[in-house]
Amino acid sequence: MAEKNQQNGGQQQDINQLLKVRRDKLKDLQDAGKDPFVITKYDQTHHSTDVKAEYTAHEEQLLAGRQEPNVEGLDDAQKKEVLNNDYNERRAIMDASPIPVSIAGRMMFKRVMGKASFCNIQDLKGNIQVYVARDAIGEESYADFKKSDIGDIFGIKGFAFRTKTGEISIHAEEMTMLTKSLQILPEKFHGLTDTDMRYRQRYVDLIMNQESKEVFIKRSQIIKEIRNFLDGRDFMEVETPMLVSNAGGAAARPFDTHYNALNEDVKLRISLELYLKRLIVGGLERVYEIGRVFRNEGVDTRHNPEFTLMELYQAYTDYEGMMELTESMFRYLAEKVCGTTKISYNGIEIDLGKPFARLTMNEAIKKYAGIGFDEVADDAAAKKLADEHHIEYEDRHTKGDIVNLFFEEYCEKELIQPTFIMDHPIEISPLTKKKPSDPSKVERFELFINTWEMCNAYSELNDPIDQRERFAAQDAAFEAGDEEANHTDEDFLNALEIGMPPTGGIGYGIDRLVMLLTDSQAIRDVLLFPTMRSTT
């Protein structure tokens, strides 16, 4: 142990010395009047991939029709001479019509070779090699470049060219250090592999792991395409309060806080539902919101206490309309973001192009557990079945609660391909319209893909008398110990009494959707800054 501590102490001493060297280099630059931190902007004309694409197109145009050199039958020396001559001729043609570029990014690699060196610059879109020659940028700038460190941020002006090895690169004519990095990046070959550190220092993760950067770029694209899809259906994006007196609309325990100015206890919202429905009452027929919600619950691979939810409401439709919208939107997103409706998650192909399967909750339980709850008479009979199948429940639970417990135990794990699970028990759906043909059930569905619940939708309850009775049942459940129960919301009931048209509504977990479309294994992989236990 003592030997290990001594070794760790030696490593820390080495790191501290390297950090000191970086600060000394910064001071030297500042003393020489070259402080990078006084620079306020740099004009980029290209990103790395733009340079490569533009050069390739330019090259194809200028060298169109040019034949590849014939080296058949030549010895190695002759081949080398022919290929060198061909390269020089091609290079002369391209250099006569150069593509001037100005890029900016972080230096991730450097190889110094006397009067000429190479480095690799990483920017938003990728990376590109830069050829740095003393005679091109000047002796003083070249000396400064040689003293620079991995992680420093440069602005580079020059022109694009192709090296003899075929790599499109930039021939630097001017180099400007824009930021001096005072910390040491992880070693490039191994990257940032410590999972906890990746989440805590996402900024380093984005630098070192291109896969992480691509996930978050794709996340942004997914949200953009959701908006495009809904805009195409005449939905209006709105914003509603995050601090609320009554955190209703979902079964979850809220976070409590206090509003000093009003001297009132308030909660962070757990849902977007009740305010959006108020807007339907007000005549905004199609509304949606993408926003953060907060649920005081545990953290696992699919749950984070702070997450992104999208809810939308459409007047004059029902849960059938929401099924059509959902299926169309998932298919649209897969095509736009992944380029195909057949996506892969954890090695399993999921087909979003086929019509999504539909099962009632009771049909699913019958299929996967062999139990027909339509024939179960009452709460006592349901609890007897639960005892026989070792399903744990609470005394307050009713038949509807038991049905849901059986579904969770036997069915969810079977639902890999897209499946709408419909017609839930009324006891677990306090904001949903009853089915006219069976008042013990409601017009509700959940979409399951890859065993996950992807969304939850209703034919929204718009009967204020029925809604008051449901709220009363929720209040009673809370008093009986259900901390996730809803509470009566008098203003919402007043809105319903004003009159809400028949409405279909739905909520989507955006983070889980991003996980699916990016093949990410944990919700933390798609949250830029996930919830973490404090280290202090």
Protein backbone atom coordinates (compact mmCIF):
# COMPACT_ATOMS: atom_id res chain seq x y z
CA MET A 1 0.00 0.00 0.00
CA ALA A 2 2.80 2.37 0.90
CA GLU A 3 4.48 1.62 -2.43
CA LYS A 4 1.23 2.34 -4.31
CA ASN A 5 0.71 5.61 -2.43
CA GLN A 6 4.28 6.59 -3.22
CA GLN A 7 3.69 5.80 -6.90
CA ASN A 8 0.46 7.84 -6.98
CA GLY A 9 2.20 10.70 -5.22
CA GLY A 10 4.94 10.64 -7.84
CA GLN A 11 2.40 10.71 -10.67
CA GLN A 12 0.60 13.66 -9.09
CA GLN A 13 3.91 15.48 -8.72
CA ASP A 14 4.63 14.90 -12.44
CA ILE A 15 1.17 16.20 -13.36
CA ASN A 16 1.61 19.27 -11.20
CA GLN A 17 4.90 19.98 -12.94
CA LEU A 18 3.29 19.65 -16.37
CA LEU A 19 0.51 22.01 -15.33
CA LYS A 20 3.08 24.51 -14.11
CA VAL A 21 4.89 24.32 -17.45
CA ARG A 22 1.66 25.24 -19.25
CA ARG A 23 1.11 28.24 -17.03
CA ASP A 24 4.71 29.31 -17.56
CA LYS A 25 4.17 29.13 -21.32
CA LEU A 26 1.10 31.33 -20.99
CA LYS A 27 3.06 33.87 -19.00
CA ASP A 28 5.79 33.90 -21.67
CA LEU A 29 3.17 34.62 -24.32
CA GLN A 30 1.64 37.38 -22.23
CA ASP A 31 5.04 38.93 -21.54
CA ALA A 32 5.71 38.92 -25.29
CA GLY A 33 2.41 40.71 -25.97
CA LYS A 34 0.77 37.58 -27.42
CA ASP A 35 -1.84 36.86 -24.75
CA PRO A 36 -4.36 34.54 -26.50
CA PHE A 37 -7.10 35.47 -24.05
CA VAL A 38 -7.34 39.04 -25.35
CA ILE A 39 -8.53 37.79 -28.76
CA THR A 40 -12.27 38.29 -29.02
CA LYS A 41 -13.17 36.57 -32.31
CA TYR A 42 -11.84 34.63 -35.26
CA ASP A 43 -13.42 34.47 -38.70
CA GLN A 44 -13.98 30.87 -39.83
CA THR A 45 -14.74 30.22 -43.47
CA HIS A 46 -14.83 26.41 -43.23
CA HIS A 47 -15.12 23.45 -40.90
CA SER A 48 -12.91 20.43 -41.42
CA THR A 49 -15.45 18.37 -43.37
CA ASP A 50 -16.34 21.40 -45.50
CA VAL A 51 -12.69 21.72 -46.55
CA LYS A 52 -12.53 18.05 -47.56
CA ALA A 53 -15.80 18.14 -49.47
CA GLU A 54 -15.00 21.36 -51.33
CA TYR A 55 -11.48 20.23 -52.20
CA THR A 56 -12.72 16.86 -53.50
CA ALA A 57 -15.30 18.53 -55.74
CA HIS A 58 -12.73 21.08 -56.98
CA GLU A 59 -10.22 18.32 -57.67
CA GLU A 60 -12.72 16.26 -59.65
CA GLN A 61 -13.52 19.29 -61.77
CA LEU A 62 -9.91 20.32 -62.49
CA LEU A 63 -8.54 16.82 -63.01
CA ALA A 64 -11.49 15.43 -64.96
CA GLY A 65 -10.35 13.05 -67.68
CA ARG A 66 -6.81 12.74 -66.34
CA GLN A 67 -5.61 9.14 -66.53
CA GLU A 68 -3.99 7.28 -63.67
CA PRO A 69 -0.25 6.69 -64.31
CA ASN A 70 0.66 3.32 -65.81
CA VAL A 71 3.34 1.63 -63.66
CA GLU A 72 2.91 -1.89 -64.99
CA GLY A 73 6.25 -3.63 -65.56
CA LEU A 74 8.29 -0.94 -63.76
CA ASP A 75 10.67 -1.65 -60.91
CA ASP A 76 10.22 0.04 -57.51
CA ALA A 77 12.47 2.97 -58.26
CA GLN A 78 10.78 3.62 -61.60
CA LYS A 79 7.33 3.33 -60.02
CA LYS A 80 8.30 5.84 -57.36
CA GLU A 81 9.56 8.31 -59.97
CA VAL A 82 6.43 7.99 -62.13
CA LEU A 83 4.10 8.38 -59.14
CA ASN A 84 6.07 11.36 -57.81
CA ASN A 85 5.92 13.08 -61.18
CA ASP A 86 2.18 12.41 -61.41
CA TYR A 87 1.63 13.79 -57.91
CA ASN A 88 3.68 16.91 -58.67
CA GLU A 89 1.73 17.54 -61.87
CA ARG A 90 -1.60 17.12 -60.11
CA ARG A 91 -0.43 19.30 -57.24
CA ALA A 92 0.70 22.03 -59.67
CA ILE A 93 -2.73 22.04 -61.34
CA MET A 94 -4.49 22.30 -57.98
CA ASP A 95 -2.10 24.90 -56.54
CA ALA A 96 -2.70 27.10 -59.57
CA SER A 97 -6.33 27.34 -58.45
CA PRO A 98 -6.11 27.12 -54.66
CA ILE A 99 -9.00 26.98 -52.19
CA PRO A 100 -8.28 29.51 -49.42
CA VAL A 101 -9.58 28.40 -46.03
CA SER A 102 -9.75 29.70 -42.49
CA ILE A 103 -10.49 27.12 -39.81
CA ALA A 104 -10.46 27.11 -36.02
CA GLY A 105 -10.30 24.27 -33.54
CA ARG A 106 -8.44 22.35 -30.87
CA MET A 107 -5.04 20.80 -31.56
CA MET A 108 -5.25 17.08 -30.78
CA PHE A 109 -1.94 15.88 -32.24
CA LYS A 110 1.42 17.43 -33.12
CA ARG A 111 4.53 16.04 -34.80
CA VAL A 112 7.49 18.44 -35.03
CA MET A 113 10.08 17.69 -37.73
CA GLY A 114 12.68 20.45 -37.93
CA LYS A 115 11.59 23.13 -40.38
CA ALA A 116 8.18 21.57 -41.08
CA SER A 117 5.63 19.92 -38.82
CA PHE A 118 2.18 18.40 -38.84
CA CYS A 119 -0.72 18.81 -36.43
CA ASN A 120 -4.32 17.69 -36.29
CA ILE A 121 -7.10 20.21 -35.64
CA GLN A 122 -10.49 19.10 -34.31
CA ASP A 123 -13.60 21.23 -34.75
CA LEU A 124 -17.35 20.77 -34.51
CA LYS A 125 -17.63 18.55 -37.57
CA GLY A 126 -14.48 16.46 -37.40
CA ASN A 127 -10.74 16.87 -37.77
CA ILE A 128 -8.18 17.72 -40.41
CA GLN A 129 -4.42 17.55 -40.77
CA VAL A 130 -2.45 20.80 -41.00
CA TYR A 131 1.00 21.15 -42.54
CA VAL A 132 3.00 23.80 -40.70
CA ALA A 133 6.22 25.00 -42.35
CA ARG A 134 8.59 27.60 -40.90
CA ASP A 135 9.07 29.30 -44.23
CA ALA A 136 5.30 29.63 -44.73
CA ILE A 137 4.24 31.06 -41.34
CA GLY A 138 7.47 32.79 -40.32
CA GLU A 139 10.22 31.89 -37.91
CA GLU A 140 8.68 33.54 -34.83
CA SER A 141 5.26 31.95 -35.33
CA TYR A 142 6.87 28.59 -35.99
CA ALA A 143 8.83 28.83 -32.75
CA ASP A 144 5.62 29.60 -30.87
CA PHE A 145 3.89 26.67 -32.56
CA LYS A 146 6.62 24.27 -31.49
CA LYS A 147 6.08 25.34 -27.87
CA SER A 148 2.31 24.84 -28.05
CA ASP A 149 0.52 22.00 -26.28
CA ILE A 150 -2.11 19.43 -27.14
CA GLY A 151 -5.45 21.02 -26.28
CA ASP A 152 -4.52 24.54 -27.38
CA ILE A 153 -7.06 26.18 -29.70
CA PHE A 154 -5.77 27.69 -32.96
CA GLY A 155 -7.09 29.74 -35.84
CA ILE A 156 -5.41 28.70 -39.10
CA LYS A 157 -5.43 30.39 -42.50
CA GLY A 158 -4.03 28.71 -45.57
CA PHE A 159 -5.09 26.59 -48.53
CA ALA A 160 -6.22 23.01 -49.01
CA PHE A 161 -4.04 20.39 -50.68
CA ARG A 162 -3.69 16.62 -50.89
CA THR A 163 -0.55 14.96 -49.49
CA LYS A 164 1.35 12.21 -51.27
CA THR A 165 -0.39 9.70 -49.02
CA GLY A 166 -3.74 10.99 -50.30
CA GLU A 167 -4.88 12.89 -47.20
CA ILE A 168 -6.64 16.21 -47.77
CA SER A 169 -4.88 18.71 -45.53
CA ILE A 170 -4.35 22.42 -44.99
CA HIS A 171 -1.10 24.17 -45.82
CA ALA A 172 -0.90 26.78 -43.06
CA GLU A 173 0.11 30.33 -44.01
CA GLU A 174 -0.89 31.94 -40.73
CA MET A 175 -1.42 30.43 -37.26
CA THR A 176 -3.00 32.24 -34.32
CA MET A 177 -3.29 30.77 -30.85
CA LEU A 178 -6.81 31.64 -29.69
CA THR A 179 -6.83 29.84 -26.32
CA LYS A 180 -4.06 28.37 -24.20
CA SER A 181 -5.15 25.10 -22.59
CA LEU A 182 -3.95 24.97 -18.98
CA GLN A 183 -5.18 21.45 -18.28
CA ILE A 184 -4.03 18.11 -19.66
CA LEU A 185 -6.40 16.13 -21.86
CA PRO A 186 -6.68 12.35 -21.43
CA GLU A 187 -4.24 10.37 -23.52
CA LYS A 188 -5.72 10.22 -27.03
CA PHE A 189 -5.32 6.47 -27.68
CA HIS A 190 -7.34 5.41 -24.65
CA GLY A 191 -9.66 8.43 -24.63
CA LEU A 192 -11.84 9.28 -21.67
CA THR A 193 -13.00 5.80 -20.60
CA ASP A 194 -13.96 6.50 -16.97
CA THR A 195 -17.78 6.51 -17.21
CA ASP A 196 -18.34 8.61 -14.10
CA MET A 197 -15.81 11.19 -15.29
CA ARG A 198 -17.42 11.28 -18.74
CA TYR A 199 -20.72 12.35 -17.18
CA ARG A 200 -19.19 14.80 -14.69
CA GLN A 201 -16.87 16.43 -17.23
CA ARG A 202 -18.98 16.20 -20.35
CA TYR A 203 -16.90 18.96 -21.95
CA VAL A 204 -13.87 16.63 -21.90
CA ASP A 205 -15.98 13.69 -23.09
CA LEU A 206 -17.14 15.71 -26.11
CA ILE A 207 -13.53 16.52 -26.98
CA MET A 208 -12.18 12.99 -26.59
CA ASN A 209 -15.10 10.82 -27.76
CA GLN A 210 -16.47 11.56 -31.21
CA GLU A 211 -19.30 9.07 -30.59
CA SER A 212 -20.58 11.16 -27.69
CA LYS A 213 -20.52 14.32 -29.78
CA GLU A 214 -22.45 12.59 -32.56
CA VAL A 215 -25.15 11.45 -30.11
CA PHE A 216 -25.81 15.00 -28.98
CA ILE A 217 -25.72 16.39 -32.51
CA LYS A 218 -28.29 13.74 -33.43
CA ARG A 219 -30.36 14.59 -30.34
CA SER A 220 -30.60 18.17 -31.56
CA GLN A 221 -31.59 16.91 -35.01
CA ILE A 222 -34.32 14.68 -33.52
CA ILE A 223 -35.91 17.60 -31.65
CA LYS A 224 -35.66 19.79 -34.75
CA GLU A 225 -37.42 17.15 -36.84
CA ILE A 226 -40.13 16.67 -34.20
CA ARG A 227 -40.86 20.38 -34.51
CA ASN A 228 -40.85 20.15 -38.30
CA PHE A 229 -43.30 17.24 -38.20
CA LEU A 230 -45.70 18.95 -35.81
CA ASP A 231 -45.42 22.28 -37.61
CA GLY A 232 -46.49 20.41 -40.75
CA ARG A 233 -49.65 19.40 -38.89
CA ASP A 234 -50.42 22.94 -37.73
CA PHE A 235 -49.42 22.45 -34.11
CA MET A 236 -48.44 25.49 -32.07
CA GLU A 237 -45.46 25.31 -29.69
CA VAL A 238 -46.09 26.90 -26.29
CA GLU A 239 -44.44 27.27 -22.88
CA THR A 240 -46.10 26.66 -19.52
CA PRO A 241 -44.97 27.14 -15.89
CA MET A 242 -42.32 24.97 -14.24
CA LEU A 243 -43.10 26.18 -10.71
CA VAL A 244 -46.63 25.12 -9.81
CA SER A 245 -48.83 24.92 -6.74
CA ASN A 246 -50.32 21.59 -7.83
CA ALA A 247 -47.98 19.17 -9.60
CA GLY A 248 -50.56 17.02 -11.36
CA GLY A 249 -50.85 15.14 -14.63
CA ALA A 250 -48.74 12.09 -13.79
CA ALA A 251 -48.13 9.51 -11.10
CA ALA A 252 -44.89 10.79 -9.59
CA ARG A 253 -43.50 12.39 -6.44
CA PRO A 254 -42.59 16.06 -7.01
CA PHE A 255 -39.72 18.19 -5.76
CA ASP A 256 -40.84 20.82 -3.23
CA THR A 257 -39.47 24.34 -3.05
CA HIS A 258 -40.49 27.74 -1.67
CA TYR A 259 -41.37 30.98 -3.41
CA ASN A 260 -39.88 33.68 -1.16
CA ALA A 261 -41.56 36.66 -2.80
CA LEU A 262 -45.02 35.15 -2.33
CA ASN A 263 -44.18 33.19 0.82
CA GLU A 264 -45.73 30.10 -0.75
CA ASP A 265 -44.62 26.51 -1.02
CA VAL A 266 -44.54 25.38 -4.66
CA LYS A 267 -43.43 22.33 -6.59
CA LEU A 268 -41.46 21.65 -9.73
CA ARG A 269 -43.78 20.32 -12.40
CA ILE A 270 -43.93 16.56 -13.01
CA SER A 271 -45.98 16.91 -16.19
CA LEU A 272 -47.10 19.43 -18.81
CA GLU A 273 -50.67 18.19 -19.06
CA LEU A 274 -52.99 20.37 -17.02
CA TYR A 275 -51.77 23.71 -18.37
CA LEU A 276 -51.81 22.51 -21.97
CA LYS A 277 -55.40 21.34 -21.55
CA ARG A 278 -56.29 24.79 -20.27
CA LEU A 279 -55.05 26.10 -23.64
CA ILE A 280 -57.35 23.67 -25.47
CA VAL A 281 -60.21 25.10 -23.39
CA GLY A 282 -59.06 28.56 -24.51
CA GLY A 283 -59.44 27.60 -28.17
CA LEU A 284 -55.83 26.79 -29.17
CA GLU A 285 -56.81 23.59 -30.94
CA ARG A 286 -53.36 22.01 -31.45
CA VAL A 287 -50.61 22.71 -28.93
CA TYR A 288 -47.37 21.07 -27.82
CA GLU A 289 -44.53 21.75 -25.45
CA ILE A 290 -41.03 20.28 -25.21
CA GLY A 291 -39.67 20.98 -21.76
CA ARG A 292 -37.98 19.79 -18.60
CA VAL A 293 -40.02 18.04 -15.94
CA PHE A 294 -38.85 16.91 -12.51
CA ARG A 295 -39.72 13.73 -10.63
CA ASN A 296 -38.29 12.95 -7.21
CA GLU A 297 -37.42 9.36 -8.00
CA GLY A 298 -34.45 7.05 -8.42
CA VAL A 299 -31.77 7.02 -11.10
CA ASP A 300 -31.21 4.05 -13.39
CA THR A 301 -30.41 3.36 -17.04
CA ARG A 302 -33.79 4.74 -18.18
CA HIS A 303 -34.67 7.29 -15.48
CA ASN A 304 -33.23 10.62 -14.44
CA PRO A 305 -35.02 12.94 -11.97
CA GLU A 306 -34.78 15.81 -14.46
CA PHE A 307 -35.72 14.85 -18.00
CA THR A 308 -37.25 16.16 -21.21
CA LEU A 309 -40.91 15.51 -21.91
CA MET A 310 -43.01 16.46 -24.88
CA GLU A 311 -46.78 16.62 -24.57
CA LEU A 312 -49.23 17.55 -27.29
CA TYR A 313 -53.00 18.00 -27.36
CA GLN A 314 -55.31 18.08 -30.35
CA ALA A 315 -58.95 19.08 -30.16
CA TYR A 316 -61.66 17.07 -31.92
CA THR A 317 -59.76 13.79 -32.03
CA ASP A 318 -59.27 10.80 -29.72
CA TYR A 319 -56.68 8.19 -28.82
CA GLU A 320 -57.06 6.59 -32.25
CA GLY A 321 -55.94 9.90 -33.76
CA MET A 322 -52.99 9.95 -31.37
CA MET A 323 -52.00 6.45 -32.51
CA GLU A 324 -51.94 7.54 -36.13
CA LEU A 325 -49.92 10.65 -35.28
CA THR A 326 -47.42 8.68 -33.17
CA GLU A 327 -46.84 5.95 -35.73
CA SER A 328 -46.38 8.52 -38.48
CA MET A 329 -44.01 10.64 -36.38
CA PHE A 330 -41.78 7.73 -35.31
CA ARG A 331 -41.52 6.58 -38.92
CA TYR A 332 -40.74 10.14 -40.07
CA LEU A 333 -38.03 10.58 -37.41
CA ALA A 334 -36.34 7.29 -38.26
CA GLU A 335 -36.20 8.20 -41.94
CA LYS A 336 -34.96 11.74 -41.32
CA VAL A 337 -32.42 10.98 -38.59
CA CYS A 338 -31.33 7.40 -39.32
CA GLY A 339 -32.04 7.24 -43.05
CA THR A 340 -34.11 4.07 -42.65
CA THR A 341 -37.18 2.78 -40.81
CA LYS A 342 -35.26 -0.36 -39.82
CA ILE A 343 -33.10 0.65 -36.89
CA SER A 344 -30.80 -1.41 -34.69
CA TYR A 345 -30.76 -1.25 -30.92
CA ASN A 346 -28.21 -3.32 -29.04
CA GLY A 347 -27.91 -5.63 -32.05
CA ILE A 348 -31.69 -6.15 -32.41
CA GLU A 349 -33.43 -4.89 -35.56
CA ILE A 350 -36.57 -2.88 -34.88
CA ASP A 351 -38.86 -2.23 -37.83
CA LEU A 352 -40.65 1.11 -37.61
CA GLY A 353 -41.85 0.81 -41.21
CA LYS A 354 -44.44 -1.89 -40.58
CA PRO A 355 -47.87 -1.06 -39.08
CA PHE A 356 -47.49 -1.06 -35.29
CA ALA A 357 -49.13 -3.98 -33.47
CA ARG A 358 -52.18 -3.26 -31.26
CA LEU A 359 -53.24 -5.19 -28.14
CA THR A 360 -55.49 -4.29 -25.26
CA MET A 361 -53.82 -4.62 -21.87
CA ASN A 362 -56.03 -7.62 -21.05
CA GLU A 363 -55.21 -9.23 -24.40
CA ALA A 364 -51.49 -8.82 -23.71
CA ILE A 365 -51.83 -10.44 -20.27
CA LYS A 366 -53.83 -13.29 -21.80
CA LYS A 367 -51.15 -13.75 -24.49
CA TYR A 368 -48.09 -13.66 -22.26
CA ALA A 369 -49.41 -14.83 -18.85
CA GLY A 370 -52.37 -16.97 -19.86
CA ILE A 371 -54.76 -15.11 -17.54
CA GLY A 372 -58.08 -13.66 -18.67
CA PHE A 373 -58.81 -10.66 -16.49
CA ASP A 374 -62.07 -9.97 -18.32
CA GLU A 375 -63.43 -12.98 -16.42
CA VAL A 376 -62.08 -11.85 -13.01
CA ALA A 377 -65.07 -10.69 -10.99
CA ASP A 378 -63.75 -8.24 -8.40
CA ASP A 379 -60.85 -6.94 -6.32
CA ALA A 380 -60.76 -10.00 -4.08
CA ALA A 381 -60.51 -12.39 -7.03
CA ALA A 382 -57.74 -10.27 -8.57
CA LYS A 383 -55.74 -10.30 -5.32
CA LYS A 384 -56.18 -14.08 -5.10
CA LEU A 385 -54.64 -14.38 -8.57
CA ALA A 386 -51.80 -12.10 -7.54
CA ASP A 387 -51.10 -14.29 -4.48
CA GLU A 388 -51.05 -17.40 -6.66
CA HIS A 389 -48.54 -15.80 -9.05
CA HIS A 390 -46.40 -14.18 -6.33
CA ILE A 391 -47.26 -10.66 -7.48
CA GLU A 392 -46.75 -8.18 -4.64
CA TYR A 393 -49.48 -5.60 -4.07
CA GLU A 394 -50.76 -3.23 -1.38
CA ASP A 395 -54.04 -3.53 0.55
CA ARG A 396 -55.39 -0.39 -1.13
CA HIS A 397 -54.92 -1.85 -4.62
CA THR A 398 -57.97 -2.65 -6.72
CA LYS A 399 -58.49 -5.04 -9.60
CA GLY A 400 -57.27 -2.38 -12.02
CA ASP A 401 -54.04 -1.96 -10.08
CA ILE A 402 -53.52 -5.75 -10.09
CA VAL A 403 -54.07 -5.86 -13.86
CA ASN A 404 -51.29 -3.28 -14.27
CA LEU A 405 -48.96 -5.26 -11.98
CA PHE A 406 -49.51 -8.41 -14.04
CA PHE A 407 -48.84 -6.47 -17.24
CA GLU A 408 -45.57 -5.10 -15.86
CA GLU A 409 -44.45 -8.52 -14.67
CA TYR A 410 -45.36 -10.65 -17.70
CA CYS A 411 -45.79 -8.44 -20.75
CA GLU A 412 -43.40 -5.49 -20.94
CA LYS A 413 -40.32 -7.69 -21.41
CA GLU A 414 -41.97 -9.29 -24.49
CA LEU A 415 -42.72 -6.06 -26.36
CA ILE A 416 -39.69 -5.58 -28.63
CA GLN A 417 -41.30 -4.51 -31.91
CA PRO A 418 -43.57 -1.42 -31.83
CA THR A 419 -46.80 -2.30 -30.02
CA PHE A 420 -49.68 -0.12 -28.86
CA ILE A 421 -51.07 -1.38 -25.53
CA MET A 422 -54.62 -0.03 -25.20
CA ASP A 423 -57.63 0.21 -22.91
CA HIS A 424 -56.15 0.45 -19.43
CA PRO A 425 -58.12 0.02 -16.18
CA ILE A 426 -59.84 3.20 -15.03
CA GLU A 427 -58.17 3.01 -11.59
CA ILE A 428 -54.73 3.82 -13.03
CA SER A 429 -55.93 6.49 -15.48
CA PRO A 430 -57.45 9.43 -13.58
CA LEU A 431 -57.45 11.89 -16.51
CA THR A 432 -58.81 9.65 -19.24
CA LYS A 433 -62.21 9.14 -20.85
CA LYS A 434 -64.05 5.90 -20.08
CA LYS A 435 -64.71 3.48 -22.91
CA PRO A 436 -68.43 3.76 -23.73
CA SER A 437 -68.57 -0.01 -24.23
CA ASP A 438 -66.83 -0.82 -20.92
CA PRO A 439 -66.74 1.87 -18.19
CA SER A 440 -64.17 -0.13 -16.18
CA LYS A 441 -61.59 0.73 -18.85
CA VAL A 442 -60.43 3.95 -20.48
CA GLU A 443 -59.43 5.08 -23.96
CA ARG A 444 -55.71 5.10 -23.33
CA PHE A 445 -52.64 3.59 -24.95
CA GLU A 446 -48.95 3.25 -24.31
CA LEU A 447 -46.48 2.55 -27.10
CA PHE A 448 -43.84 -0.04 -26.27
CA ILE A 449 -40.64 -0.52 -28.27
CA ASN A 450 -37.63 -2.54 -27.11
CA THR A 451 -39.60 -3.35 -23.89
CA TRP A 452 -39.74 0.40 -23.07
CA GLU A 453 -42.77 2.61 -22.67
CA MET A 454 -42.18 5.29 -25.31
CA CYS A 455 -45.32 7.37 -24.84
CA ASN A 456 -48.64 7.53 -23.03
CA ALA A 457 -51.84 8.83 -24.66
CA TYR A 458 -55.52 9.37 -23.83
CA SER A 459 -58.85 10.36 -25.14
CA GLU A 460 -58.82 13.17 -22.63
CA LEU A 461 -61.45 13.32 -19.92
CA ASN A 462 -63.49 16.49 -20.44
CA ASP A 463 -66.40 15.77 -18.08
CA PRO A 464 -65.80 18.07 -15.05
CA ILE A 465 -68.13 16.05 -12.79
CA ASP A 466 -66.38 12.77 -13.57
CA GLN A 467 -63.00 14.51 -13.24
CA ARG A 468 -63.88 15.79 -9.77
CA GLU A 469 -64.77 12.26 -8.68
CA ARG A 470 -61.47 10.94 -10.07
CA PHE A 471 -59.53 13.66 -8.25
CA ALA A 472 -61.35 12.73 -5.02
CA ALA A 473 -60.25 9.12 -5.48
CA GLN A 474 -56.69 10.34 -6.02
CA ASP A 475 -56.84 12.46 -2.85
CA ALA A 476 -57.99 9.37 -0.96
CA ALA A 477 -55.15 7.32 -2.42
CA PHE A 478 -52.67 9.98 -1.29
CA GLU A 479 -54.09 9.91 2.23
CA ALA A 480 -53.74 6.11 2.15
CA GLY A 481 -50.03 6.44 1.45
CA ASP A 482 -49.69 6.82 -2.32
CA GLU A 483 -47.15 9.66 -2.61
CA GLU A 484 -47.49 9.64 -6.42
CA ALA A 485 -51.23 10.28 -6.47
CA ASN A 486 -52.69 13.41 -8.09
CA HIS A 487 -54.46 16.13 -6.09
CA THR A 488 -57.64 18.03 -6.82
CA ASP A 489 -56.91 21.06 -9.00
CA GLU A 490 -59.82 23.48 -8.63
CA ASP A 491 -58.69 25.85 -11.37
CA PHE A 492 -58.36 22.96 -13.82
CA LEU A 493 -61.86 21.78 -12.85
CA ASN A 494 -63.11 25.31 -13.46
CA ALA A 495 -61.52 25.23 -16.93
CA LEU A 496 -63.33 21.97 -17.67
CA GLU A 497 -66.59 23.50 -16.53
CA ILE A 498 -66.02 26.33 -19.04
CA GLY A 499 -65.89 23.48 -21.56
CA MET A 500 -63.11 21.48 -23.24
CA PRO A 501 -63.87 19.90 -26.63
CA PRO A 502 -63.21 16.21 -27.26
CA THR A 503 -59.41 16.02 -27.25
CA GLY A 504 -56.62 13.55 -27.83
CA GLY A 505 -53.42 14.00 -25.82
CA ILE A 506 -50.06 12.29 -25.56
CA GLY A 507 -46.74 12.53 -23.74
CA TYR A 508 -43.37 11.35 -25.08
CA GLY A 509 -40.14 10.80 -23.17
CA ILE A 510 -37.69 12.58 -25.45
CA ASP A 511 -34.58 11.14 -23.77
CA ARG A 512 -35.78 7.58 -24.24
CA LEU A 513 -36.62 8.31 -27.88
CA VAL A 514 -33.08 9.66 -28.38
CA MET A 515 -31.68 6.51 -26.73
CA LEU A 516 -33.59 4.37 -29.21
CA LEU A 517 -32.55 6.31 -32.32
CA THR A 518 -28.88 6.60 -31.28
CA ASP A 519 -28.46 3.05 -29.93
CA SER A 520 -27.46 4.46 -26.53
CA GLN A 521 -27.49 2.09 -23.58
CA ALA A 522 -28.28 4.51 -20.74
CA ILE A 523 -30.23 7.73 -20.34
CA ARG A 524 -27.07 9.41 -19.04
CA ASP A 525 -25.52 8.87 -22.46
CA VAL A 526 -28.11 11.19 -24.04
CA LEU A 527 -28.23 13.85 -21.29
CA LEU A 528 -25.46 16.41 -21.58
CA PHE A 529 -25.32 16.88 -17.82
CA PRO A 530 -27.11 14.02 -16.03
CA THR A 531 -27.93 14.05 -12.33
CA MET A 532 -24.86 12.99 -10.32
CA ARG A 533 -24.15 12.70 -6.62
CA SER A 534 -22.10 15.68 -5.44
CA THR A 535 -18.41 14.97 -4.91
CA THR A 536 -18.06 17.60 -2.18
